[in-house]
């Protein structure tokens, strides 16, 4: 009788320990980026502060292939559907105390060092506080965010507000069309790696 109770207690302890480890693994932050939003102070006191973009998990190859094929074969409407079917990959804080879910997160190494981090949020974002940068009324049901980072993890970010998203065949993902011509929206981006 005593050995049966000890066995039950040991099993219960193992289940609790495993559950705690599993919970800790799923809530681990992979990478955190802080940034300032362009003219964010116009959005109110909180908009002028540093905001954050958190990647809890990087999209796997199957997810990358699915969204790439959706865009390459069928265009932006199908990309929106493919993104909506993905699990949460992270989130971005936005002026006005808004938070958007990131469904896709991928990295593209740059030849000179550094990398582009390509993310897709599951909603159309806008610079509602700054009418000088217009957002088309026919915005798709997603927003692509492209961070361009140097070797030191610092850089800038641009959004698909007034540009198309284009399939990047070499990296099997998507990027902003005419990246160089788009305005910088996320300024002073800094990577703050918190775990591996």
N, C-alpha and C. Protein backbone atom coordinates (compact mmCIF):
# COMPACT_ATOMS: atom_id res chain seq x y z
N UNK A 1 0.82 -1.20 0.00
CA UNK A 1 0.00 0.00 0.00
C UNK A 1 0.87 1.27 0.00
N UNK A 2 1.89 1.26 0.86
CA UNK A 2 2.77 2.42 0.94
C UNK A 2 3.53 2.62 -0.38
N UNK A 3 4.00 1.52 -0.99
CA UNK A 3 4.75 1.67 -2.24
C UNK A 3 3.85 2.15 -3.37
N UNK A 4 2.56 1.79 -3.34
CA UNK A 4 1.63 2.27 -4.36
C UNK A 4 1.44 3.79 -4.22
N UNK A 5 1.31 4.28 -2.99
CA UNK A 5 1.15 5.72 -2.77
C UNK A 5 2.41 6.48 -3.17
N UNK A 6 3.57 5.91 -2.86
CA UNK A 6 4.83 6.55 -3.25
C UNK A 6 4.93 6.62 -4.77
N UNK A 7 4.53 5.54 -5.45
CA UNK A 7 4.56 5.51 -6.91
C UNK A 7 3.62 6.57 -7.48
N UNK A 8 2.42 6.68 -6.90
CA UNK A 8 1.47 7.70 -7.36
C UNK A 8 2.02 9.11 -7.17
N UNK A 9 2.62 9.35 -6.01
CA UNK A 9 3.19 10.67 -5.75
C UNK A 9 4.34 10.97 -6.72
N UNK A 10 5.17 9.96 -6.99
CA UNK A 10 6.28 10.16 -7.92
C UNK A 10 5.76 10.47 -9.32
N UNK A 11 4.71 9.76 -9.74
CA UNK A 11 4.12 10.02 -11.07
C UNK A 11 3.52 11.42 -11.12
N UNK A 12 2.82 11.82 -10.07
CA UNK A 12 2.22 13.16 -10.03
C UNK A 12 3.29 14.24 -10.09
N UNK A 13 4.38 14.01 -9.34
CA UNK A 13 5.48 14.98 -9.35
C UNK A 13 6.11 15.06 -10.74
N UNK A 14 6.28 13.91 -11.40
CA UNK A 14 6.86 13.91 -12.75
C UNK A 14 5.97 14.66 -13.74
N UNK A 15 4.65 14.44 -13.63
CA UNK A 15 3.71 15.13 -14.52
C UNK A 15 3.77 16.64 -14.29
N UNK A 16 3.80 17.06 -13.02
CA UNK A 16 3.88 18.48 -12.72
C UNK A 16 5.19 19.07 -13.21
N UNK A 17 6.29 18.36 -13.01
CA UNK A 17 7.59 18.86 -13.45
C UNK A 17 7.64 18.98 -14.97
N UNK A 18 7.14 17.96 -15.68
CA UNK A 18 7.12 17.99 -17.14
C UNK A 18 6.25 19.13 -17.64
N UNK A 19 5.10 19.32 -17.02
CA UNK A 19 4.19 20.40 -17.41
C UNK A 19 4.83 21.76 -17.21
N UNK A 20 5.57 21.92 -16.11
CA UNK A 20 6.25 23.18 -15.84
C UNK A 20 7.34 23.44 -16.87
N UNK A 21 8.11 22.39 -17.21
CA UNK A 21 9.16 22.55 -18.22
C UNK A 21 8.54 22.87 -19.58
N UNK A 22 7.45 22.17 -19.95
CA UNK A 22 6.79 22.43 -21.23
C UNK A 22 6.25 23.85 -21.28
N UNK A 23 5.67 24.32 -20.19
CA UNK A 23 5.15 25.69 -20.14
C UNK A 23 6.28 26.69 -20.28
N UNK A 24 7.38 26.43 -19.59
CA UNK A 24 8.52 27.35 -19.68
C UNK A 24 9.06 27.40 -21.10
N UNK A 25 9.08 26.26 -21.81
CA UNK A 25 9.59 26.24 -23.17
C UNK A 25 8.68 27.02 -24.12
N UNK A 26 7.37 26.92 -23.94
CA UNK A 26 6.46 27.60 -24.87
C UNK A 26 6.41 29.10 -24.61
N UNK A 27 6.74 29.54 -23.40
CA UNK A 27 6.67 30.97 -23.12
C UNK A 27 8.04 31.65 -23.27
N UNK A 28 9.06 30.90 -23.69
CA UNK A 28 10.40 31.46 -23.85
C UNK A 28 10.42 32.43 -25.02
N UNK A 29 10.98 33.59 -24.79
CA UNK A 29 11.12 34.59 -25.86
C UNK A 29 12.39 34.28 -26.64
N UNK A 30 12.27 34.11 -27.94
CA UNK A 30 13.44 33.85 -28.79
C UNK A 30 14.22 35.14 -29.03
N UNK A 31 13.52 36.16 -29.52
CA UNK A 31 14.18 37.43 -29.76
C UNK A 31 13.21 38.57 -29.49
N UNK A 32 13.77 39.65 -29.02
CA UNK A 32 12.98 40.85 -28.74
C UNK A 32 13.69 42.01 -29.42
N UNK A 33 12.90 42.81 -30.14
CA UNK A 33 13.42 43.99 -30.80
C UNK A 33 12.68 45.19 -30.22
N UNK A 34 13.42 46.23 -29.88
CA UNK A 34 12.76 47.46 -29.46
C UNK A 34 12.95 48.49 -30.57
N UNK A 35 12.03 49.44 -30.63
CA UNK A 35 12.08 50.44 -31.69
C UNK A 35 11.29 51.66 -31.27
N UNK A 36 11.48 52.73 -32.01
CA UNK A 36 10.65 53.92 -31.89
C UNK A 36 9.84 54.02 -33.18
N UNK A 37 8.55 54.33 -33.06
CA UNK A 37 7.71 54.49 -34.25
C UNK A 37 7.88 55.89 -34.81
N UNK A 38 7.91 55.99 -36.13
CA UNK A 38 8.07 57.29 -36.78
C UNK A 38 7.00 58.26 -36.30
N UNK A 39 7.41 59.40 -35.78
CA UNK A 39 6.50 60.43 -35.27
C UNK A 39 5.51 59.88 -34.24
N UNK A 40 5.94 58.85 -33.51
CA UNK A 40 5.05 58.20 -32.55
C UNK A 40 4.53 59.12 -31.46
N UNK A 41 5.25 60.19 -31.16
CA UNK A 41 4.78 61.10 -30.11
C UNK A 41 3.46 61.75 -30.48
N UNK A 42 3.15 61.81 -31.78
CA UNK A 42 1.85 62.36 -32.21
C UNK A 42 0.69 61.45 -31.81
N UNK A 43 1.00 60.20 -31.49
CA UNK A 43 -0.05 59.24 -31.11
C UNK A 43 -0.39 59.34 -29.64
N UNK A 44 0.29 60.19 -28.92
CA UNK A 44 0.05 60.32 -27.49
C UNK A 44 1.29 59.94 -26.71
N UNK A 45 1.24 60.10 -25.39
CA UNK A 45 2.43 59.87 -24.56
C UNK A 45 3.07 58.49 -24.75
N UNK A 46 2.26 57.44 -24.81
CA UNK A 46 2.83 56.08 -24.94
C UNK A 46 3.45 55.86 -26.31
N UNK A 47 2.96 56.55 -27.32
CA UNK A 47 3.48 56.35 -28.67
C UNK A 47 4.90 56.85 -28.85
N UNK A 48 5.32 57.78 -28.01
CA UNK A 48 6.67 58.31 -28.11
C UNK A 48 7.70 57.46 -27.40
N UNK A 49 7.25 56.47 -26.64
CA UNK A 49 8.17 55.59 -25.92
C UNK A 49 8.72 54.52 -26.85
N UNK A 50 9.72 53.79 -26.37
CA UNK A 50 10.21 52.64 -27.13
C UNK A 50 9.17 51.54 -27.06
N UNK A 51 8.91 50.94 -28.20
CA UNK A 51 7.94 49.87 -28.31
C UNK A 51 8.69 48.57 -28.56
N UNK A 52 7.98 47.46 -28.59
CA UNK A 52 8.68 46.19 -28.78
C UNK A 52 8.00 45.30 -29.80
N UNK A 53 8.83 44.46 -30.40
CA UNK A 53 8.39 43.43 -31.31
C UNK A 53 9.04 42.15 -30.80
N UNK A 54 8.23 41.15 -30.48
CA UNK A 54 8.74 39.93 -29.87
C UNK A 54 8.47 38.75 -30.79
N UNK A 55 9.52 37.95 -31.04
CA UNK A 55 9.39 36.71 -31.80
C UNK A 55 9.55 35.57 -30.81
N UNK A 56 8.45 34.85 -30.57
CA UNK A 56 8.50 33.70 -29.65
C UNK A 56 8.94 32.43 -30.35
N UNK A 57 8.72 32.36 -31.67
CA UNK A 57 9.17 31.20 -32.43
C UNK A 57 9.34 31.62 -33.87
N UNK A 58 10.33 31.02 -34.53
CA UNK A 58 10.55 31.27 -35.94
C UNK A 58 9.70 30.28 -36.74
N UNK A 59 9.16 30.73 -37.84
CA UNK A 59 8.34 29.86 -38.69
C UNK A 59 9.20 28.72 -39.23
N UNK A 60 8.62 27.52 -39.25
CA UNK A 60 9.38 26.37 -39.75
C UNK A 60 9.34 26.33 -41.28
N UNK A 61 10.08 25.40 -41.87
CA UNK A 61 10.20 25.33 -43.34
C UNK A 61 8.85 25.08 -44.01
N UNK A 62 8.02 24.22 -43.40
CA UNK A 62 6.72 23.92 -44.00
C UNK A 62 5.83 25.17 -44.02
N UNK A 63 5.85 25.95 -42.96
CA UNK A 63 5.07 27.20 -42.92
C UNK A 63 5.61 28.20 -43.93
N UNK A 64 6.94 28.29 -43.99
CA UNK A 64 7.56 29.21 -44.96
C UNK A 64 7.16 28.83 -46.39
N UNK A 65 7.23 27.53 -46.70
CA UNK A 65 6.88 27.08 -48.05
C UNK A 65 5.42 27.34 -48.37
N UNK A 66 4.54 27.14 -47.37
CA UNK A 66 3.10 27.34 -47.58
C UNK A 66 2.78 28.80 -47.92
N UNK A 67 3.34 29.74 -47.15
CA UNK A 67 3.01 31.15 -47.41
C UNK A 67 3.71 31.65 -48.68
N UNK A 68 4.91 31.15 -48.93
CA UNK A 68 5.61 31.54 -50.16
C UNK A 68 4.82 31.08 -51.38
N UNK A 69 4.38 29.84 -51.37
CA UNK A 69 3.61 29.30 -52.51
C UNK A 69 2.30 30.05 -52.68
N UNK A 70 1.65 30.38 -51.58
CA UNK A 70 0.38 31.11 -51.66
C UNK A 70 0.57 32.44 -52.39
N UNK A 71 1.65 33.16 -52.06
CA UNK A 71 1.92 34.44 -52.71
C UNK A 71 2.39 34.24 -54.14
N UNK A 72 3.35 33.36 -54.36
CA UNK A 72 3.93 33.17 -55.69
C UNK A 72 2.91 32.65 -56.69
N UNK A 73 2.02 31.76 -56.24
CA UNK A 73 1.06 31.14 -57.16
C UNK A 73 -0.25 31.90 -57.30
N UNK A 74 -0.67 32.60 -56.24
CA UNK A 74 -2.02 33.17 -56.24
C UNK A 74 -2.13 34.63 -55.83
N UNK A 75 -1.06 35.27 -55.41
CA UNK A 75 -1.11 36.68 -55.08
C UNK A 75 -1.44 36.97 -53.61
N UNK A 76 -1.60 38.26 -53.32
CA UNK A 76 -1.73 38.72 -51.94
C UNK A 76 -2.97 38.23 -51.22
N UNK A 77 -4.09 38.04 -51.91
CA UNK A 77 -5.30 37.56 -51.24
C UNK A 77 -5.09 36.19 -50.63
N UNK A 78 -4.43 35.31 -51.35
CA UNK A 78 -4.18 33.96 -50.84
C UNK A 78 -3.11 33.98 -49.76
N UNK A 79 -2.20 34.95 -49.83
CA UNK A 79 -1.20 35.09 -48.77
C UNK A 79 -1.89 35.41 -47.46
N UNK A 80 -2.89 36.28 -47.50
CA UNK A 80 -3.63 36.62 -46.28
C UNK A 80 -4.28 35.38 -45.68
N UNK A 81 -4.87 34.53 -46.52
CA UNK A 81 -5.50 33.30 -46.03
C UNK A 81 -4.47 32.36 -45.42
N UNK A 82 -3.32 32.22 -46.08
CA UNK A 82 -2.26 31.34 -45.57
C UNK A 82 -1.72 31.83 -44.24
N UNK A 83 -1.56 33.13 -44.10
CA UNK A 83 -1.07 33.69 -42.83
C UNK A 83 -2.08 33.48 -41.71
N UNK A 84 -3.36 33.65 -42.01
CA UNK A 84 -4.40 33.50 -40.99
C UNK A 84 -4.44 32.09 -40.43
N UNK A 85 -3.99 31.10 -41.21
CA UNK A 85 -4.02 29.70 -40.77
C UNK A 85 -2.81 29.33 -39.91
N UNK A 86 -1.82 30.21 -39.81
CA UNK A 86 -0.61 29.89 -39.04
C UNK A 86 -0.82 30.18 -37.55
N UNK A 87 -0.12 29.42 -36.69
CA UNK A 87 -0.18 29.71 -35.26
C UNK A 87 0.59 31.00 -34.95
N UNK A 88 0.39 31.53 -33.78
CA UNK A 88 1.04 32.76 -33.37
C UNK A 88 2.55 32.57 -33.28
N UNK A 89 3.30 33.52 -33.85
CA UNK A 89 4.76 33.48 -33.79
C UNK A 89 5.32 34.55 -32.85
N UNK A 90 4.51 35.56 -32.56
CA UNK A 90 4.95 36.64 -31.69
C UNK A 90 3.95 37.78 -31.72
N UNK A 91 4.41 38.98 -31.40
CA UNK A 91 3.51 40.14 -31.39
C UNK A 91 4.32 41.41 -31.53
N UNK A 92 3.62 42.49 -31.91
CA UNK A 92 4.24 43.81 -31.99
C UNK A 92 3.36 44.79 -31.25
N UNK A 93 3.99 45.59 -30.38
CA UNK A 93 3.29 46.69 -29.72
C UNK A 93 3.29 47.88 -30.66
N UNK A 94 2.20 48.64 -30.65
CA UNK A 94 2.02 49.73 -31.60
C UNK A 94 1.48 50.93 -30.86
N UNK A 95 1.77 52.14 -31.32
CA UNK A 95 1.22 53.32 -30.64
C UNK A 95 -0.29 53.23 -30.45
N UNK A 96 -0.77 53.82 -29.36
CA UNK A 96 -2.19 53.75 -29.03
C UNK A 96 -2.50 52.51 -28.20
N UNK A 97 -1.46 51.92 -27.60
CA UNK A 97 -1.60 50.69 -26.81
C UNK A 97 -2.21 49.55 -27.61
N UNK A 98 -1.93 49.50 -28.91
CA UNK A 98 -2.41 48.43 -29.77
C UNK A 98 -1.38 47.31 -29.80
N UNK A 99 -1.85 46.10 -29.95
CA UNK A 99 -0.95 44.95 -30.09
C UNK A 99 -1.45 44.09 -31.24
N UNK A 100 -0.54 43.76 -32.14
CA UNK A 100 -0.87 42.93 -33.28
C UNK A 100 -0.16 41.60 -33.18
N UNK A 101 -0.84 40.54 -33.57
CA UNK A 101 -0.25 39.20 -33.55
C UNK A 101 0.60 39.00 -34.80
N UNK A 102 1.81 38.50 -34.60
CA UNK A 102 2.69 38.14 -35.71
C UNK A 102 2.48 36.66 -35.97
N UNK A 103 2.15 36.31 -37.21
CA UNK A 103 1.88 34.92 -37.60
C UNK A 103 3.06 34.28 -38.32
N UNK A 104 3.96 35.11 -38.84
CA UNK A 104 5.06 34.59 -39.62
C UNK A 104 6.33 35.33 -39.24
N UNK A 105 7.42 34.59 -39.05
CA UNK A 105 8.70 35.20 -38.68
C UNK A 105 9.82 34.41 -39.35
N UNK A 106 10.65 35.11 -40.12
CA UNK A 106 11.72 34.45 -40.86
C UNK A 106 12.93 35.38 -40.93
N UNK A 107 14.10 34.79 -41.13
CA UNK A 107 15.34 35.57 -41.23
C UNK A 107 16.02 35.29 -42.57
N UNK A 108 16.57 36.34 -43.17
CA UNK A 108 17.31 36.20 -44.42
C UNK A 108 18.70 36.81 -44.19
N UNK A 109 19.75 36.00 -44.21
CA UNK A 109 21.10 36.56 -44.04
C UNK A 109 21.45 37.52 -45.18
N UNK A 110 22.18 38.58 -44.85
CA UNK A 110 22.61 39.55 -45.86
C UNK A 110 24.08 39.28 -46.22
N UNK A 111 24.46 39.46 -47.50
CA UNK A 111 25.82 39.13 -47.95
C UNK A 111 26.92 39.84 -47.16
N UNK A 112 26.66 41.09 -46.75
CA UNK A 112 27.69 41.85 -46.05
C UNK A 112 27.65 41.64 -44.54
N UNK A 113 26.82 40.71 -44.09
CA UNK A 113 26.62 40.49 -42.66
C UNK A 113 25.29 41.08 -42.25
N UNK A 114 24.86 40.77 -41.07
CA UNK A 114 23.54 41.20 -40.64
C UNK A 114 22.47 40.36 -41.29
N UNK A 115 21.25 40.81 -41.19
CA UNK A 115 20.13 40.02 -41.73
C UNK A 115 18.90 40.89 -41.90
N UNK A 116 17.98 40.39 -42.72
CA UNK A 116 16.64 40.95 -42.81
C UNK A 116 15.73 40.03 -42.01
N UNK A 117 14.92 40.59 -41.16
CA UNK A 117 13.92 39.82 -40.42
C UNK A 117 12.58 40.17 -41.06
N UNK A 118 11.91 39.17 -41.60
CA UNK A 118 10.64 39.37 -42.29
C UNK A 118 9.54 38.80 -41.43
N UNK A 119 8.57 39.64 -41.10
CA UNK A 119 7.46 39.26 -40.23
C UNK A 119 6.15 39.63 -40.90
N UNK A 120 5.09 38.93 -40.53
CA UNK A 120 3.77 39.28 -41.05
C UNK A 120 2.77 39.26 -39.90
N UNK A 121 2.09 40.37 -39.72
CA UNK A 121 1.03 40.48 -38.71
C UNK A 121 -0.29 40.13 -39.38
N UNK A 122 -1.23 39.66 -38.57
CA UNK A 122 -2.49 39.16 -39.12
C UNK A 122 -3.56 40.24 -39.27
N UNK A 123 -3.15 41.48 -39.40
CA UNK A 123 -4.11 42.58 -39.57
C UNK A 123 -3.44 43.72 -40.33
N UNK A 124 -4.24 44.59 -40.87
CA UNK A 124 -3.74 45.76 -41.56
C UNK A 124 -3.40 46.83 -40.52
N UNK A 125 -2.14 47.23 -40.47
CA UNK A 125 -1.70 48.27 -39.53
C UNK A 125 -1.66 49.60 -40.27
N UNK A 126 -1.70 50.68 -39.52
CA UNK A 126 -1.61 51.99 -40.16
C UNK A 126 -0.90 52.97 -39.24
N UNK A 127 -0.46 54.06 -39.81
CA UNK A 127 0.08 55.18 -39.05
C UNK A 127 -1.06 56.17 -38.86
N UNK A 128 -2.06 55.78 -38.09
CA UNK A 128 -3.27 56.57 -37.91
C UNK A 128 -2.98 57.94 -37.34
N UNK A 129 -1.85 58.11 -36.65
CA UNK A 129 -1.52 59.38 -36.02
C UNK A 129 -0.79 60.32 -36.97
N UNK A 130 -0.42 59.85 -38.16
CA UNK A 130 0.37 60.66 -39.07
C UNK A 130 -0.20 60.59 -40.49
N UNK A 131 -1.16 61.47 -40.83
CA UNK A 131 -1.79 61.42 -42.16
C UNK A 131 -0.82 61.74 -43.30
N UNK A 132 0.37 62.25 -42.99
CA UNK A 132 1.35 62.53 -44.04
C UNK A 132 1.81 61.24 -44.72
N UNK A 133 1.77 60.14 -43.98
CA UNK A 133 2.10 58.84 -44.58
C UNK A 133 0.78 58.11 -44.73
N UNK A 134 0.32 58.07 -45.96
CA UNK A 134 -1.02 57.53 -46.20
C UNK A 134 -0.99 56.01 -46.28
N UNK A 135 -2.09 55.41 -45.85
CA UNK A 135 -2.30 53.98 -45.98
C UNK A 135 -3.48 53.80 -46.91
N UNK A 136 -3.32 53.05 -47.98
CA UNK A 136 -4.43 52.89 -48.92
C UNK A 136 -5.67 52.30 -48.24
N UNK A 137 -6.84 52.73 -48.66
CA UNK A 137 -8.08 52.21 -48.07
C UNK A 137 -8.31 50.75 -48.45
N UNK A 138 -7.59 50.29 -49.47
CA UNK A 138 -7.74 48.90 -49.90
C UNK A 138 -6.59 48.04 -49.38
N UNK A 139 -6.12 48.32 -48.18
CA UNK A 139 -5.02 47.55 -47.60
C UNK A 139 -5.41 46.09 -47.46
N UNK A 140 -4.46 45.18 -47.67
CA UNK A 140 -4.76 43.76 -47.47
C UNK A 140 -5.00 43.46 -45.99
N UNK A 141 -5.41 42.24 -45.72
CA UNK A 141 -5.74 41.83 -44.35
C UNK A 141 -4.51 41.40 -43.57
N UNK A 142 -3.37 41.94 -43.90
CA UNK A 142 -2.13 41.62 -43.20
C UNK A 142 -1.17 42.79 -43.37
N UNK A 143 -0.09 42.78 -42.60
CA UNK A 143 0.98 43.76 -42.75
C UNK A 143 2.30 43.02 -42.71
N UNK A 144 3.16 43.28 -43.67
CA UNK A 144 4.50 42.72 -43.66
C UNK A 144 5.44 43.76 -43.06
N UNK A 145 6.28 43.31 -42.15
CA UNK A 145 7.27 44.15 -41.49
C UNK A 145 8.63 43.60 -41.88
N UNK A 146 9.50 44.45 -42.39
CA UNK A 146 10.85 44.00 -42.76
C UNK A 146 11.85 44.83 -41.99
N UNK A 147 12.60 44.16 -41.12
CA UNK A 147 13.68 44.81 -40.39
C UNK A 147 14.98 44.56 -41.13
N UNK A 148 15.77 45.58 -41.30
CA UNK A 148 17.09 45.43 -41.90
C UNK A 148 18.11 45.75 -40.81
N UNK A 149 18.83 44.70 -40.39
CA UNK A 149 19.73 44.83 -39.25
C UNK A 149 21.18 44.61 -39.66
N UNK A 150 22.06 45.39 -39.06
CA UNK A 150 23.50 45.19 -39.26
C UNK A 150 24.01 44.07 -38.37
N UNK A 151 25.30 43.81 -38.45
CA UNK A 151 25.91 42.77 -37.63
C UNK A 151 25.73 43.02 -36.15
N UNK A 152 25.60 44.28 -35.78
CA UNK A 152 25.46 44.64 -34.36
C UNK A 152 24.02 44.52 -33.87
N UNK A 153 23.08 44.07 -34.74
CA UNK A 153 21.70 43.90 -34.32
C UNK A 153 20.91 45.20 -34.29
N UNK A 154 21.44 46.25 -34.89
CA UNK A 154 20.75 47.54 -34.93
C UNK A 154 20.38 47.86 -36.38
N UNK A 155 19.26 48.60 -36.55
CA UNK A 155 18.87 48.94 -37.90
C UNK A 155 17.56 49.69 -37.96
N UNK A 156 16.76 49.36 -38.98
CA UNK A 156 15.52 50.07 -39.25
C UNK A 156 14.46 49.07 -39.67
N UNK A 157 13.21 49.54 -39.73
CA UNK A 157 12.13 48.69 -40.17
C UNK A 157 11.17 49.44 -41.07
N UNK A 158 10.64 48.72 -42.06
CA UNK A 158 9.67 49.29 -42.98
C UNK A 158 8.46 48.37 -43.03
N UNK A 159 7.31 48.94 -43.39
CA UNK A 159 6.05 48.19 -43.42
C UNK A 159 5.43 48.24 -44.80
N UNK A 160 4.58 47.29 -45.07
CA UNK A 160 3.90 47.21 -46.37
C UNK A 160 2.66 48.11 -46.38
N UNK A 161 2.84 49.38 -46.04
CA UNK A 161 1.70 50.29 -46.00
C UNK A 161 1.27 50.72 -47.39
N UNK A 162 2.23 51.11 -48.21
CA UNK A 162 1.88 51.62 -49.53
C UNK A 162 2.70 50.93 -50.61
N UNK A 163 3.09 49.70 -50.35
CA UNK A 163 3.84 48.94 -51.35
C UNK A 163 3.35 47.51 -51.38
N UNK A 164 3.70 46.83 -52.45
CA UNK A 164 3.32 45.42 -52.58
C UNK A 164 4.33 44.54 -51.88
N UNK A 165 3.91 43.33 -51.63
CA UNK A 165 4.80 42.30 -51.10
C UNK A 165 5.18 41.44 -52.30
N UNK A 166 6.45 41.12 -52.41
CA UNK A 166 6.91 40.35 -53.55
C UNK A 166 7.54 39.03 -53.10
N UNK A 167 7.38 37.99 -53.90
CA UNK A 167 7.96 36.69 -53.59
C UNK A 167 9.47 36.76 -53.81
N UNK A 168 10.23 36.28 -52.84
CA UNK A 168 11.68 36.24 -52.93
C UNK A 168 12.07 34.79 -53.20
N UNK A 169 12.26 34.46 -54.47
CA UNK A 169 12.49 33.07 -54.89
C UNK A 169 13.73 32.47 -54.25
N UNK A 170 14.78 33.27 -54.15
CA UNK A 170 16.05 32.76 -53.61
C UNK A 170 15.91 32.33 -52.15
N UNK A 171 15.22 33.14 -51.34
CA UNK A 171 15.07 32.82 -49.91
C UNK A 171 13.78 32.04 -49.63
N UNK A 172 12.96 31.83 -50.66
CA UNK A 172 11.66 31.13 -50.52
C UNK A 172 10.79 31.79 -49.46
N UNK A 173 10.75 33.10 -49.49
CA UNK A 173 9.89 33.86 -48.58
C UNK A 173 9.39 35.08 -49.34
N UNK A 174 8.97 36.10 -48.65
CA UNK A 174 8.53 37.32 -49.31
C UNK A 174 9.19 38.51 -48.64
N UNK A 175 9.28 39.60 -49.38
CA UNK A 175 9.87 40.83 -48.88
C UNK A 175 9.06 42.00 -49.42
N UNK A 176 9.38 43.19 -48.97
CA UNK A 176 8.72 44.38 -49.48
C UNK A 176 9.28 44.71 -50.86
N UNK A 177 8.39 45.04 -51.77
CA UNK A 177 8.82 45.47 -53.10
C UNK A 177 9.44 46.85 -52.99
N UNK A 178 10.54 47.07 -53.68
CA UNK A 178 11.24 48.37 -53.66
C UNK A 178 11.55 48.82 -52.23
N UNK A 179 12.17 47.94 -51.47
CA UNK A 179 12.47 48.25 -50.06
C UNK A 179 13.14 49.61 -49.91
N UNK A 180 14.15 49.90 -50.75
CA UNK A 180 14.92 51.14 -50.61
C UNK A 180 14.07 52.39 -50.76
N UNK A 181 12.96 52.30 -51.50
CA UNK A 181 12.12 53.48 -51.75
C UNK A 181 11.08 53.71 -50.67
N UNK A 182 10.91 52.78 -49.76
CA UNK A 182 9.86 52.90 -48.74
C UNK A 182 10.36 53.72 -47.55
N UNK A 183 9.45 54.45 -46.89
CA UNK A 183 9.87 55.23 -45.73
C UNK A 183 10.18 54.34 -44.53
N UNK A 184 11.16 54.76 -43.75
CA UNK A 184 11.49 54.05 -42.51
C UNK A 184 10.39 54.37 -41.49
N UNK A 185 9.74 53.34 -40.97
CA UNK A 185 8.65 53.51 -40.00
C UNK A 185 9.10 53.13 -38.59
N UNK A 186 9.90 52.06 -38.50
CA UNK A 186 10.45 51.64 -37.21
C UNK A 186 11.88 52.16 -37.15
N UNK A 187 12.11 53.15 -36.31
CA UNK A 187 13.43 53.77 -36.24
C UNK A 187 14.19 53.23 -35.04
N UNK A 188 15.51 53.31 -35.13
CA UNK A 188 16.41 52.87 -34.04
C UNK A 188 16.04 51.48 -33.53
N UNK A 189 15.89 50.53 -34.45
CA UNK A 189 15.59 49.15 -34.06
C UNK A 189 16.82 48.54 -33.40
N UNK A 190 16.61 47.86 -32.28
CA UNK A 190 17.70 47.21 -31.56
C UNK A 190 17.28 45.80 -31.16
N UNK A 191 18.11 44.82 -31.51
CA UNK A 191 17.86 43.44 -31.10
C UNK A 191 18.29 43.28 -29.65
N UNK A 192 17.42 42.66 -28.89
CA UNK A 192 17.73 42.35 -27.49
C UNK A 192 17.49 40.88 -27.29
N UNK A 193 18.47 40.05 -27.61
CA UNK A 193 18.33 38.61 -27.52
C UNK A 193 18.22 38.21 -26.06
N UNK A 194 17.18 37.45 -25.73
CA UNK A 194 16.97 37.05 -24.34
C UNK A 194 17.17 35.57 -24.11
N UNK A 195 17.19 34.77 -25.18
CA UNK A 195 17.45 33.34 -25.04
C UNK A 195 17.84 32.79 -26.39
N UNK A 196 18.23 31.52 -26.43
CA UNK A 196 18.64 30.93 -27.70
C UNK A 196 17.48 30.28 -28.40
